[in-house]
Protein backbone atom coordinates (compact mmCIF):
# COMPACT_ATOMS: atom_id res chain seq x y z
CA ILE A 1 25.88 13.53 4.75
CA LYS A 2 23.37 13.90 1.87
CA HIS A 3 24.24 15.67 -1.41
CA GLY A 4 27.22 17.32 0.32
CA LYS A 5 25.11 18.99 2.99
CA SER A 6 24.48 17.88 6.57
CA GLU A 7 20.89 17.06 7.44
CA ALA A 8 19.40 19.49 9.96
CA ILE A 9 17.31 16.79 11.69
CA ALA A 10 18.74 13.41 12.67
CA PRO A 11 16.81 10.19 11.97
CA LYS A 12 13.98 9.55 14.42
CA TRP A 13 15.53 6.33 15.75
CA MET A 14 18.69 8.21 16.58
CA LEU A 15 16.87 10.96 18.43
CA GLN A 16 14.83 8.41 20.40
CA SER A 17 17.92 6.42 21.31
CA THR A 18 19.78 9.55 22.46
CA GLU A 19 16.84 10.70 24.57
CA ALA A 20 16.57 7.28 26.20
CA VAL A 21 20.26 7.41 27.17
CA MET A 22 19.92 10.95 28.49
CA GLN A 23 16.81 10.00 30.51
CA TYR A 24 18.62 6.99 32.06
CA TYR A 25 21.48 9.18 33.35
CA LEU A 26 19.09 11.88 34.52
CA ASP A 27 17.07 9.35 36.55
CA ARG A 28 20.26 7.85 37.95
CA ASP A 29 22.32 10.94 38.74
CA LEU A 30 20.08 13.97 39.08
CA THR A 31 18.69 14.51 42.59
CA LEU A 32 16.42 17.40 43.48
CA ASP A 33 16.50 18.41 47.11
CA ARG A 34 14.05 21.14 48.15
CA CYS A 35 15.79 23.26 50.75
CA VAL A 36 16.11 26.85 51.74
CA LEU A 37 19.69 28.14 51.98
CA GLU A 38 20.60 31.21 54.01
CA LYS A 39 23.45 31.98 51.64
CA PHE A 40 25.37 30.61 48.72
CA PRO A 41 28.33 28.22 49.19
CA LEU A 42 31.61 30.04 49.59
CA PRO A 43 33.78 30.51 46.46
CA GLN A 44 36.52 27.95 45.86
CA GLU A 45 40.09 28.99 45.24
CA GLY A 46 41.20 28.73 41.66
CA HIS A 47 37.61 28.53 40.31
CA LYS A 48 36.45 30.97 37.62
CA TYR A 49 32.91 32.33 37.90
CA MET A 50 30.42 34.21 35.82
CA LEU A 51 27.79 36.53 37.41
CA TYR A 52 24.22 36.23 36.09
CA ALA A 53 21.58 38.88 37.02
CA HIS A 54 17.92 38.42 36.20
CA ILE A 55 15.56 41.35 35.54
CA PRO A 56 12.03 39.80 35.54
CA PHE A 57 9.97 42.69 34.14
CA CYS A 58 8.44 43.33 30.69
CA LYS A 59 6.13 46.20 29.64
CA THR A 60 4.12 43.69 27.63
CA LEU A 61 4.23 39.89 27.84
CA CYS A 62 4.80 37.83 24.71
CA SER A 63 2.45 34.83 24.63
CA TYR A 64 5.01 32.25 23.56
CA CYS A 65 7.72 33.28 26.06
CA THR A 66 8.46 30.88 28.91
CA PHE A 67 11.07 32.90 30.76
CA HIS A 68 10.42 34.18 34.28
CA ARG A 69 8.85 37.60 34.03
CA PHE A 70 6.22 39.94 35.49
CA LEU A 71 4.25 42.82 33.96
CA PHE A 72 6.30 46.00 34.56
CA LYS A 73 5.33 48.35 37.31
CA GLY A 74 7.77 51.24 37.85
CA TYR A 75 7.84 51.34 41.63
CA LYS A 76 8.26 47.52 41.90
CA ALA A 77 11.02 47.51 39.34
CA ARG A 78 12.99 50.35 41.08
CA GLU A 79 12.67 48.51 44.43
CA TYR A 80 13.83 45.34 42.72
CA PHE A 81 16.96 46.98 41.33
CA VAL A 82 17.83 48.37 44.77
CA ASN A 83 17.59 44.94 46.30
CA LEU A 84 19.45 43.35 43.38
CA ARG A 85 22.42 45.65 44.16
CA LYS A 86 22.19 44.68 47.85
CA GLU A 87 22.32 41.04 46.81
CA MET A 88 25.37 41.80 44.67
CA GLU A 89 27.11 43.40 47.68
CA ALA A 90 26.29 40.35 49.82
CA VAL A 91 27.86 38.09 47.22
CA HIS A 92 30.92 40.33 47.19
CA ALA A 93 31.18 40.14 50.99
CA MET A 94 31.31 36.34 50.69
CA GLY A 95 34.50 36.67 48.65
CA TYR A 96 33.19 36.05 45.11
CA ASP A 97 34.81 37.61 42.12
CA PHE A 98 33.71 37.26 38.50
CA THR A 99 35.41 37.48 35.13
CA SER A 100 32.21 38.20 33.14
CA MET A 101 28.58 39.16 33.64
CA TYR A 102 25.37 38.35 31.84
CA VAL A 103 22.12 40.25 32.39
CA GLY A 104 18.95 38.53 31.21
CA GLY A 105 15.20 38.79 31.61
CA GLY A 106 12.45 39.72 31.15
CA THR A 107 13.51 42.96 29.61
CA THR A 108 16.74 44.11 31.22
CA THR A 109 16.44 47.68 30.04
CA VAL A 110 13.00 48.53 31.45
CA LEU A 111 14.72 51.17 33.66
CA MET A 112 17.89 52.25 31.85
CA ASP A 113 19.18 54.42 34.72
CA GLU A 114 18.79 51.58 37.24
CA LEU A 115 20.49 49.07 34.93
CA ALA A 116 23.43 51.54 34.43
CA LYS A 117 23.78 51.93 38.24
CA THR A 118 23.76 48.14 38.62
CA LEU A 119 26.43 47.61 36.01
CA GLU A 120 28.57 50.42 37.42
CA LEU A 121 28.41 48.82 40.88
CA ALA A 122 29.24 45.38 39.41
CA LYS A 123 32.39 46.67 37.77
CA LYS A 124 33.38 48.45 41.01
CA LEU A 125 32.78 45.39 43.27
CA PHE A 126 34.23 42.89 40.79
CA PRO A 127 37.13 44.52 38.91
CA SER A 128 37.96 41.21 37.20
CA ILE A 129 34.83 41.52 35.03
CA LYS A 130 36.15 41.90 31.49
CA GLU A 131 32.87 41.45 29.56
CA VAL A 132 29.26 42.45 30.23
CA SER A 133 26.42 41.00 28.05
CA VAL A 134 22.88 42.36 28.16
CA GLU A 135 19.59 41.36 26.44
CA THR A 136 17.05 43.92 25.22
CA ASP A 137 14.14 44.35 22.83
CA PRO A 138 14.17 46.28 19.50
CA GLN A 139 12.13 49.25 20.82
CA ILE A 140 14.83 50.10 23.36
CA MET A 141 17.35 50.59 20.57
CA GLY A 142 15.33 53.68 19.49
CA ASP A 143 15.32 55.19 22.98
CA PRO A 144 17.84 58.06 23.43
CA GLN A 145 18.64 56.70 26.90
CA ILE A 146 20.37 53.73 25.30
CA HIS A 147 23.48 55.95 25.41
CA MET A 148 23.55 55.46 29.20
CA LEU A 149 24.85 51.92 28.55
CA GLU A 150 27.60 52.97 26.19
CA GLY A 151 30.92 51.92 27.75
CA LEU A 152 29.16 49.63 30.24
CA VAL A 153 27.89 46.89 27.91
CA ASP A 154 30.29 44.88 25.70
CA ARG A 155 27.66 42.65 24.00
CA MET A 156 24.13 43.87 23.38
CA SER A 157 21.72 41.15 22.28
CA ILE A 158 18.51 42.35 20.57
CA GLY A 159 15.48 40.07 20.32
CA VAL A 160 14.27 40.74 16.75
CA GLN A 161 12.80 37.28 15.90
CA SER A 162 11.90 38.35 12.37
CA PHE A 163 11.76 41.45 10.09
CA ASP A 164 8.59 40.10 8.43
CA ASP A 165 5.53 42.05 9.52
CA SER A 166 3.21 39.06 9.18
CA ILE A 167 5.39 37.03 11.63
CA LEU A 168 5.56 40.01 14.00
CA LYS A 169 1.77 40.25 13.89
CA LEU A 170 1.42 36.48 14.46
CA THR A 171 3.65 36.66 17.55
CA ASP A 172 2.16 39.92 18.85
CA ARG A 173 5.48 41.74 18.43
CA THR A 174 4.20 44.64 16.37
CA LYS A 175 4.28 46.47 19.75
CA PHE A 176 8.02 46.90 19.06
CA GLY A 177 7.47 48.39 15.64
CA THR A 178 7.39 47.19 12.05
CA GLY A 179 10.22 45.15 10.61
CA ALA A 180 11.49 48.22 8.78
CA GLU A 181 11.46 50.28 11.98
CA VAL A 182 13.33 47.63 13.93
CA TYR A 183 15.92 47.42 11.17
CA ASP A 184 16.48 51.18 11.19
CA ARG A 185 16.79 51.30 15.04
CA ILE A 186 19.46 48.65 15.07
CA ALA A 187 21.33 50.17 12.14
CA ALA A 188 21.44 53.53 13.96
CA CYS A 189 22.67 52.22 17.34
CA GLN A 190 24.56 48.95 16.83
CA ASP A 191 27.96 50.71 16.78
CA LEU A 192 27.42 51.91 20.38
CA PHE A 193 28.56 48.52 21.57
CA PRO A 194 31.67 46.45 20.74
CA THR A 195 29.42 43.53 19.81
CA CYS A 196 25.82 43.76 18.69
CA ASN A 197 24.01 40.41 18.51
CA VAL A 198 20.74 40.05 16.61
CA ASP A 199 18.47 37.30 17.84
CA MET A 200 16.31 35.68 15.16
CA THR A 201 13.79 32.87 15.53
CA PHE A 202 12.57 30.31 13.05
CA GLY A 203 9.92 27.58 13.44
CA PHE A 204 6.86 29.79 13.16
CA ARG A 205 3.83 28.45 11.34
CA GLY A 206 3.45 30.14 7.97
CA GLN A 207 7.08 31.26 7.95
CA SER A 208 7.95 30.39 4.34
CA LEU A 209 11.47 29.73 3.09
CA ASP A 210 11.29 32.98 1.14
CA MET A 211 10.57 34.81 4.40
CA ILE A 212 13.56 33.16 6.04
CA ALA A 213 15.82 34.01 3.06
CA ARG A 214 14.64 37.66 3.11
CA ASP A 215 15.35 37.89 6.86
CA MET A 216 18.85 36.51 6.29
CA GLU A 217 19.40 39.01 3.42
CA LEU A 218 18.39 41.87 5.71
CA ILE A 219 20.85 40.55 8.32
CA ARG A 220 23.56 40.53 5.65
CA GLN A 221 22.82 44.17 4.84
CA LEU A 222 22.61 45.15 8.50
CA ASN A 223 25.92 43.37 9.09
CA PRO A 224 25.90 42.94 12.85
CA LYS A 225 28.94 41.31 14.41
CA GLN A 226 26.91 38.35 15.67
CA VAL A 227 23.63 36.59 14.83
CA THR A 228 21.71 33.86 16.64
CA THR A 229 18.96 31.91 14.93
CA TYR A 230 17.03 29.91 17.46
CA PRO A 231 14.17 27.49 16.78
CA LEU A 232 10.89 28.43 18.48
CA MET A 233 10.91 26.83 21.89
CA VAL A 234 7.58 25.14 22.48
CA THR A 235 7.48 23.80 26.08
CA SER A 236 4.94 22.61 28.64
CA GLU A 237 4.75 26.23 29.79
CA THR A 238 3.76 27.57 26.39
CA ARG A 239 0.09 28.44 26.26
CA LYS A 240 -1.90 25.64 24.64
CA SER A 241 -3.56 28.07 22.21
CA VAL A 242 -0.15 29.34 21.10
CA LYS A 243 1.25 25.85 20.50
CA GLY A 244 -1.43 25.19 17.90
CA MET A 245 -1.38 28.62 16.30
CA ILE A 246 2.24 29.60 15.75
CA ALA A 247 4.51 26.56 15.87
CA ALA A 248 5.72 24.92 12.62
CA GLU A 249 6.01 21.16 12.09
CA GLY A 250 9.29 19.29 12.40
CA GLN A 251 9.96 18.94 8.72
CA GLU A 252 9.33 22.65 8.23
CA LEU A 253 11.91 23.35 10.91
CA SER A 254 14.47 21.22 9.03
CA GLU A 255 13.86 23.05 5.79
CA GLN A 256 13.98 26.46 7.50
CA TYR A 257 17.24 25.62 9.22
CA ASN A 258 18.80 24.45 5.99
CA THR A 259 17.72 27.75 4.35
CA ILE A 260 19.48 29.64 7.14
CA LEU A 261 22.65 27.64 6.66
CA GLY A 262 22.55 28.18 2.93
CA THR A 263 22.09 31.94 3.11
CA LEU A 264 23.59 33.29 6.32
CA GLY A 265 26.33 30.67 6.12
CA GLN A 266 27.68 32.31 2.95
CA HIS A 267 28.50 35.57 4.76
CA TYR A 268 29.06 34.49 8.37
CA ARG A 269 31.16 31.92 10.17
CA GLN A 270 29.05 29.38 12.04
CA LEU A 271 30.19 29.27 15.68
CA THR A 272 27.60 26.91 17.17
CA SER A 273 24.39 25.26 16.00
CA TRP A 274 22.58 28.59 16.30
CA THR A 275 25.27 31.25 16.36
CA PHE A 276 27.10 33.04 13.53
CA GLY A 277 29.92 35.54 13.72
CA ARG A 278 31.26 37.85 11.02
CA THR A 279 33.93 36.10 9.01
CA GLY A 280 37.40 37.26 10.13
CA ASP A 281 36.18 38.97 13.32
CA ASN A 282 37.53 37.72 16.64
CA GLU A 283 34.05 36.87 17.95
CA GLY A 284 33.05 34.96 21.05
CA ILE A 285 31.65 31.45 20.80
CA ASP A 286 28.07 32.35 21.51
CA GLU A 287 25.64 35.11 22.35
CA TYR A 288 25.72 33.73 25.87
CA VAL A 289 28.99 33.70 27.80
CA ILE A 290 29.53 29.97 27.90
CA ASP A 291 33.23 29.62 28.70
CA HIS A 292 32.51 29.30 32.42
CA ASP A 293 31.79 25.98 34.12
CA GLU A 294 30.37 27.75 37.15
CA TYR A 295 28.13 30.80 37.54
CA LEU A 296 26.23 32.51 40.30
CA GLY A 297 22.79 34.00 39.72
CA ILE A 298 21.26 36.94 41.57
CA GLY A 299 17.68 38.12 41.40
CA SER A 300 14.29 36.43 41.33
CA GLY A 301 14.31 33.12 39.40
CA ALA A 302 18.04 33.20 38.66
CA PHE A 303 19.91 29.94 38.45
CA SER A 304 23.42 29.19 39.83
CA PHE A 305 25.70 26.25 39.11
CA LEU A 306 28.37 25.97 41.80
CA GLY A 307 30.50 22.89 42.27
CA ASP A 308 28.28 20.04 41.17
CA SER A 309 24.99 21.58 42.32
CA LEU A 310 22.30 23.71 40.66
CA TYR A 311 20.66 26.36 42.78
CA VAL A 312 17.46 28.20 41.94
CA ASN A 313 16.49 31.49 43.53
CA THR A 314 12.89 32.05 44.60
CA PHE A 315 10.48 33.07 41.82
CA SER A 316 8.59 35.18 44.32
CA LEU A 317 9.16 38.94 44.07
CA ALA A 318 8.01 39.45 47.66
CA ARG A 319 10.56 36.95 48.99
């Protein structure tokens, strides 16, 4: 505790010690066995499961994104959705039921009609599903077809990143519109869904504290039910050119995070390190549905955690 406020970044010695402990247990306990399974393990009685579905298509590819995705081609995407529903039916035949569903990508809404069919089938096969969460991009919120998902999606998460046009240009996201256009689209459509989550990102190079504060003020005016403020994830998969061009330094991250806490924190209740919910609202813990110990993933590149094992679906579209 320093001056009554928690430090955003722990001391370096503490981080290094924690990482060393984590690495020790990873080396000791994590085993990776390459194998090809014909089907998932059977569900266990009394266990509660979440269904994850991955849609690996985007109409344009963001340079800093490390999620599993392919450039959108309509015929491939339609064929993919058909097979995704077949996979869902196969999981149902094994006896699985789910209490919630999360759809991620990629861009889940590249084919709105196919996504609607998939969600309708999920609710028919798994009547215990009480909550469906879906990710999308800001451009989709201005598409009249978004109404197809009304009544099917309980939590719509929109990847805004920033309302600042210079940051959108830096990250090649002007393809989704200007900051003002993105703001207007969300304002017009956020009431279609019980919970609208706005995804913001900090940690960009050149993202001043004034920019962060302005973004948080626009969030306050927009007043979505939920906000997430993630740091930019720079990984081994991020393009080398991008790492040097758009990522802020560690101390900048600390200052940006403290600015978020000092602005957004005045109007929202902090639920996790990154997530904020409107004060007084009965909001979930996070944008992601994280109250399940076990989940099953369908689609290319989807992960499952069943029992004490992690399973990864093939990243190949053909397979």
